[in-house]
C-alpha cells in the first residue's frame, strides 16, 4: 500500500519539475519527470502476476519500457514541464 508519505514526495517532485521547467526553459534546459507505475524490479511491492491483474493493460511494466520513454523525452528538446506517466493506464487523468 502506498502511504501519504509516498504521495507527498511524488507531489513535491511534480511541483519541482514544473517550477524548474518554467525557469530553465529560456536557457535551453528542459525539465521533465518520468512517473512509472508497477515495474518488474526488485523494488516491486508484491508479486508481479498479482499486481499485473490490477493494471488495465494486464501486466506490470518492464524496465526497458521505462528506459525507452526516458530516452524519447530526452531526445525531444520541445518537451518541457511534463510528468510522463508510464503505468499501463492505471491512473486516468
N, C-alpha and C. Protein backbone atom coordinates (compact mmCIF):
# COMPACT_ATOMS: atom_id res chain seq x y z
N UNK A 1 0.84 -1.19 0.00
CA UNK A 1 0.00 0.00 0.00
C UNK A 1 0.88 1.25 0.00
N UNK A 2 0.47 2.22 -0.75
CA UNK A 2 1.20 3.48 -0.83
C UNK A 2 0.61 4.44 0.19
N UNK A 3 1.47 4.99 1.02
CA UNK A 3 1.01 5.86 2.09
C UNK A 3 1.12 7.32 1.75
N UNK A 4 0.70 8.16 2.69
CA UNK A 4 0.73 9.60 2.47
C UNK A 4 2.15 10.16 2.30
N UNK A 5 3.12 9.50 2.91
CA UNK A 5 4.50 9.96 2.76
C UNK A 5 4.96 9.83 1.31
N UNK A 6 4.62 8.72 0.68
CA UNK A 6 4.97 8.49 -0.72
C UNK A 6 4.23 9.48 -1.61
N UNK A 7 2.93 9.64 -1.37
CA UNK A 7 2.12 10.56 -2.17
C UNK A 7 2.65 12.00 -2.05
N UNK A 8 3.02 12.40 -0.86
CA UNK A 8 3.52 13.76 -0.66
C UNK A 8 4.85 13.96 -1.38
N UNK A 9 5.72 12.96 -1.33
CA UNK A 9 7.02 13.11 -2.00
C UNK A 9 6.84 13.19 -3.51
N UNK A 10 5.93 12.40 -4.06
CA UNK A 10 5.67 12.45 -5.51
C UNK A 10 5.06 13.79 -5.90
N UNK A 11 4.17 14.30 -5.10
CA UNK A 11 3.57 15.60 -5.38
C UNK A 11 4.64 16.69 -5.38
N UNK A 12 5.56 16.61 -4.43
CA UNK A 12 6.66 17.57 -4.38
C UNK A 12 7.54 17.48 -5.61
N UNK A 13 7.80 16.27 -6.08
CA UNK A 13 8.62 16.08 -7.28
C UNK A 13 7.93 16.69 -8.51
N UNK A 14 6.61 16.50 -8.60
CA UNK A 14 5.87 17.07 -9.73
C UNK A 14 5.92 18.60 -9.68
N UNK A 15 5.71 19.17 -8.49
CA UNK A 15 5.77 20.62 -8.34
C UNK A 15 7.15 21.18 -8.67
N UNK A 16 8.18 20.50 -8.22
CA UNK A 16 9.55 20.94 -8.50
C UNK A 16 9.85 20.87 -10.00
N UNK A 17 9.34 19.84 -10.67
CA UNK A 17 9.51 19.72 -12.12
C UNK A 17 8.94 20.93 -12.83
N UNK A 18 7.72 21.30 -12.49
CA UNK A 18 7.06 22.43 -13.14
C UNK A 18 7.76 23.75 -12.79
N UNK A 19 8.16 23.91 -11.55
CA UNK A 19 8.85 25.13 -11.12
C UNK A 19 10.16 25.30 -11.89
N UNK A 20 10.99 24.27 -11.90
CA UNK A 20 12.29 24.37 -12.58
C UNK A 20 12.13 24.54 -14.09
N UNK A 21 11.16 23.85 -14.67
CA UNK A 21 10.95 23.95 -16.12
C UNK A 21 10.59 25.37 -16.53
N UNK A 22 9.80 26.04 -15.71
CA UNK A 22 9.39 27.41 -16.06
C UNK A 22 10.56 28.39 -16.00
N UNK A 23 11.57 28.05 -15.26
CA UNK A 23 12.72 28.95 -15.13
C UNK A 23 13.90 28.58 -16.02
N UNK A 24 14.07 27.31 -16.31
CA UNK A 24 15.23 26.85 -17.07
C UNK A 24 15.00 26.82 -18.58
N UNK A 25 13.75 26.84 -19.00
CA UNK A 25 13.43 26.73 -20.42
C UNK A 25 14.08 27.80 -21.28
N UNK A 26 14.13 29.02 -20.80
CA UNK A 26 14.74 30.11 -21.58
C UNK A 26 16.24 29.92 -21.79
N UNK A 27 16.82 29.08 -20.96
CA UNK A 27 18.25 28.77 -21.09
C UNK A 27 18.49 27.54 -21.96
N UNK A 28 17.42 27.00 -22.52
CA UNK A 28 17.55 25.82 -23.37
C UNK A 28 17.59 24.51 -22.60
N UNK A 29 17.22 24.57 -21.32
CA UNK A 29 17.22 23.37 -20.49
C UNK A 29 15.77 22.95 -20.27
N UNK A 30 15.46 21.71 -20.60
CA UNK A 30 14.12 21.19 -20.35
C UNK A 30 14.14 20.37 -19.07
N UNK A 31 13.02 20.41 -18.35
CA UNK A 31 12.89 19.67 -17.10
C UNK A 31 11.60 18.87 -17.17
N UNK A 32 11.71 17.56 -17.07
CA UNK A 32 10.57 16.66 -17.12
C UNK A 32 10.77 15.58 -16.08
N UNK A 33 9.72 14.83 -15.82
CA UNK A 33 9.80 13.71 -14.88
C UNK A 33 9.12 12.50 -15.51
N UNK A 34 9.63 11.34 -15.18
CA UNK A 34 9.01 10.08 -15.59
C UNK A 34 8.37 9.49 -14.34
N UNK A 35 7.10 9.12 -14.44
CA UNK A 35 6.36 8.58 -13.30
C UNK A 35 5.90 7.16 -13.62
N UNK A 36 6.76 6.18 -13.35
CA UNK A 36 6.38 4.80 -13.65
C UNK A 36 5.41 4.24 -12.61
N UNK A 37 4.56 3.33 -13.07
CA UNK A 37 3.69 2.58 -12.18
C UNK A 37 4.44 1.34 -11.71
N UNK A 38 3.74 0.21 -11.66
CA UNK A 38 4.38 -1.05 -11.27
C UNK A 38 5.34 -1.51 -12.36
N UNK A 39 6.60 -1.68 -12.00
CA UNK A 39 7.63 -2.12 -12.93
C UNK A 39 8.34 -3.32 -12.31
N UNK A 40 8.58 -4.33 -13.12
CA UNK A 40 9.20 -5.56 -12.65
C UNK A 40 10.66 -5.33 -12.27
N UNK A 41 10.88 -4.90 -11.05
CA UNK A 41 12.22 -4.70 -10.49
C UNK A 41 12.23 -5.30 -9.08
N UNK A 42 13.38 -5.43 -8.48
CA UNK A 42 13.42 -5.93 -7.10
C UNK A 42 12.65 -5.04 -6.10
N UNK A 43 12.37 -3.80 -6.49
CA UNK A 43 11.63 -2.89 -5.60
C UNK A 43 10.12 -3.06 -5.70
N UNK A 44 9.65 -3.90 -6.60
CA UNK A 44 8.20 -4.09 -6.79
C UNK A 44 7.58 -4.60 -5.49
N UNK A 45 6.55 -3.91 -4.99
CA UNK A 45 5.97 -4.27 -3.69
C UNK A 45 4.96 -5.41 -3.78
N UNK A 46 5.39 -6.56 -4.24
CA UNK A 46 4.48 -7.70 -4.31
C UNK A 46 4.75 -8.57 -5.52
N UNK A 47 3.89 -9.52 -5.70
CA UNK A 47 4.01 -10.48 -6.80
C UNK A 47 3.63 -9.82 -8.13
N UNK A 48 4.53 -9.87 -9.13
CA UNK A 48 4.24 -9.22 -10.41
C UNK A 48 2.96 -9.71 -11.08
N UNK A 49 2.67 -10.99 -10.97
CA UNK A 49 1.45 -11.50 -11.60
C UNK A 49 0.20 -10.96 -10.93
N UNK A 50 0.21 -10.95 -9.60
CA UNK A 50 -0.94 -10.44 -8.87
C UNK A 50 -1.11 -8.94 -9.12
N UNK A 51 -0.03 -8.20 -9.06
CA UNK A 51 -0.11 -6.75 -9.29
C UNK A 51 -0.51 -6.44 -10.73
N UNK A 52 -0.04 -7.25 -11.67
CA UNK A 52 -0.40 -7.05 -13.07
C UNK A 52 -1.89 -7.15 -13.32
N UNK A 53 -2.58 -7.91 -12.48
CA UNK A 53 -4.03 -8.03 -12.61
C UNK A 53 -4.77 -6.74 -12.32
N UNK A 54 -4.13 -5.83 -11.59
CA UNK A 54 -4.78 -4.55 -11.28
C UNK A 54 -4.46 -3.46 -12.30
N UNK A 55 -3.64 -3.79 -13.29
CA UNK A 55 -3.25 -2.83 -14.32
C UNK A 55 -4.14 -3.07 -15.55
N UNK A 56 -4.76 -2.03 -16.11
CA UNK A 56 -5.64 -2.22 -17.26
C UNK A 56 -4.99 -2.97 -18.43
N UNK A 57 -3.70 -2.81 -18.62
CA UNK A 57 -3.04 -3.50 -19.72
C UNK A 57 -2.79 -4.98 -19.38
N UNK A 58 -2.95 -5.35 -18.11
CA UNK A 58 -2.89 -6.75 -17.70
C UNK A 58 -1.54 -7.27 -17.25
N UNK A 59 -0.58 -6.38 -17.07
CA UNK A 59 0.75 -6.81 -16.62
C UNK A 59 1.49 -5.62 -16.05
N UNK A 60 2.57 -5.92 -15.33
CA UNK A 60 3.43 -4.84 -14.85
C UNK A 60 4.37 -4.45 -15.99
N UNK A 61 4.96 -3.28 -15.88
CA UNK A 61 5.87 -2.80 -16.90
C UNK A 61 7.23 -3.46 -16.82
N UNK A 62 7.97 -3.29 -17.89
CA UNK A 62 9.35 -3.80 -17.93
C UNK A 62 10.30 -2.62 -17.83
N UNK A 63 11.45 -2.81 -17.19
CA UNK A 63 12.40 -1.70 -17.05
C UNK A 63 12.77 -1.06 -18.38
N UNK A 64 12.90 -1.88 -19.43
CA UNK A 64 13.28 -1.31 -20.73
C UNK A 64 12.19 -0.40 -21.30
N UNK A 65 10.93 -0.62 -20.92
CA UNK A 65 9.86 0.27 -21.39
C UNK A 65 10.00 1.65 -20.75
N UNK A 66 10.38 1.68 -19.48
CA UNK A 66 10.60 2.96 -18.81
C UNK A 66 11.82 3.65 -19.42
N UNK A 67 12.87 2.89 -19.68
CA UNK A 67 14.08 3.46 -20.28
C UNK A 67 13.79 4.02 -21.67
N UNK A 68 12.99 3.33 -22.46
CA UNK A 68 12.64 3.82 -23.80
C UNK A 68 11.91 5.15 -23.72
N UNK A 69 11.00 5.27 -22.75
CA UNK A 69 10.26 6.53 -22.59
C UNK A 69 11.20 7.65 -22.16
N UNK A 70 12.11 7.35 -21.24
CA UNK A 70 13.07 8.36 -20.79
C UNK A 70 13.93 8.85 -21.96
N UNK A 71 14.38 7.93 -22.79
CA UNK A 71 15.19 8.33 -23.95
C UNK A 71 14.39 9.16 -24.94
N UNK A 72 13.12 8.83 -25.13
CA UNK A 72 12.27 9.60 -26.04
C UNK A 72 12.10 11.03 -25.53
N UNK A 73 11.88 11.18 -24.23
CA UNK A 73 11.73 12.52 -23.66
C UNK A 73 13.04 13.30 -23.76
N UNK A 74 14.14 12.63 -23.49
CA UNK A 74 15.45 13.29 -23.58
C UNK A 74 15.79 13.72 -25.01
N UNK A 75 15.33 12.96 -25.98
CA UNK A 75 15.66 13.25 -27.38
C UNK A 75 14.85 14.42 -27.94
N UNK A 76 13.78 14.81 -27.25
CA UNK A 76 12.90 15.85 -27.75
C UNK A 76 13.13 17.14 -26.97
N UNK A 77 13.71 18.11 -27.63
CA UNK A 77 14.03 19.38 -26.97
C UNK A 77 12.86 20.31 -26.77
N UNK A 78 11.66 19.91 -27.21
CA UNK A 78 10.49 20.78 -27.05
C UNK A 78 9.57 20.29 -25.94
N UNK A 79 9.79 19.10 -25.45
CA UNK A 79 9.00 18.59 -24.33
C UNK A 79 9.57 19.21 -23.06
N UNK A 80 8.72 19.94 -22.34
CA UNK A 80 9.16 20.64 -21.15
C UNK A 80 8.03 20.71 -20.14
N UNK A 81 8.36 20.59 -18.87
CA UNK A 81 7.41 20.72 -17.76
C UNK A 81 6.36 19.61 -17.77
N UNK A 82 6.76 18.43 -18.18
CA UNK A 82 5.82 17.31 -18.25
C UNK A 82 6.18 16.24 -17.22
N UNK A 83 5.15 15.64 -16.65
CA UNK A 83 5.30 14.44 -15.85
C UNK A 83 4.69 13.33 -16.69
N UNK A 84 5.55 12.50 -17.24
CA UNK A 84 5.11 11.44 -18.16
C UNK A 84 4.84 10.18 -17.36
N UNK A 85 3.58 9.79 -17.36
CA UNK A 85 3.18 8.57 -16.66
C UNK A 85 3.37 7.38 -17.59
N UNK A 86 3.97 6.34 -17.08
CA UNK A 86 4.12 5.09 -17.82
C UNK A 86 3.68 4.00 -16.86
N UNK A 87 2.35 3.77 -16.85
CA UNK A 87 1.75 2.93 -15.81
C UNK A 87 0.72 1.93 -16.34
N UNK A 88 0.70 1.71 -17.63
CA UNK A 88 -0.24 0.75 -18.19
C UNK A 88 -1.69 1.18 -18.11
N UNK A 89 -1.92 2.47 -17.87
CA UNK A 89 -3.29 3.00 -17.80
C UNK A 89 -3.90 2.96 -16.42
N UNK A 90 -3.09 2.77 -15.38
CA UNK A 90 -3.64 2.63 -14.03
C UNK A 90 -4.34 3.87 -13.50
N UNK A 91 -3.77 5.04 -13.76
CA UNK A 91 -4.34 6.25 -13.17
C UNK A 91 -4.79 7.20 -14.28
N UNK A 92 -6.06 7.15 -14.63
CA UNK A 92 -6.55 8.05 -15.68
C UNK A 92 -6.47 9.50 -15.20
N UNK A 93 -6.30 10.40 -16.15
CA UNK A 93 -6.21 11.83 -15.83
C UNK A 93 -7.56 12.38 -15.53
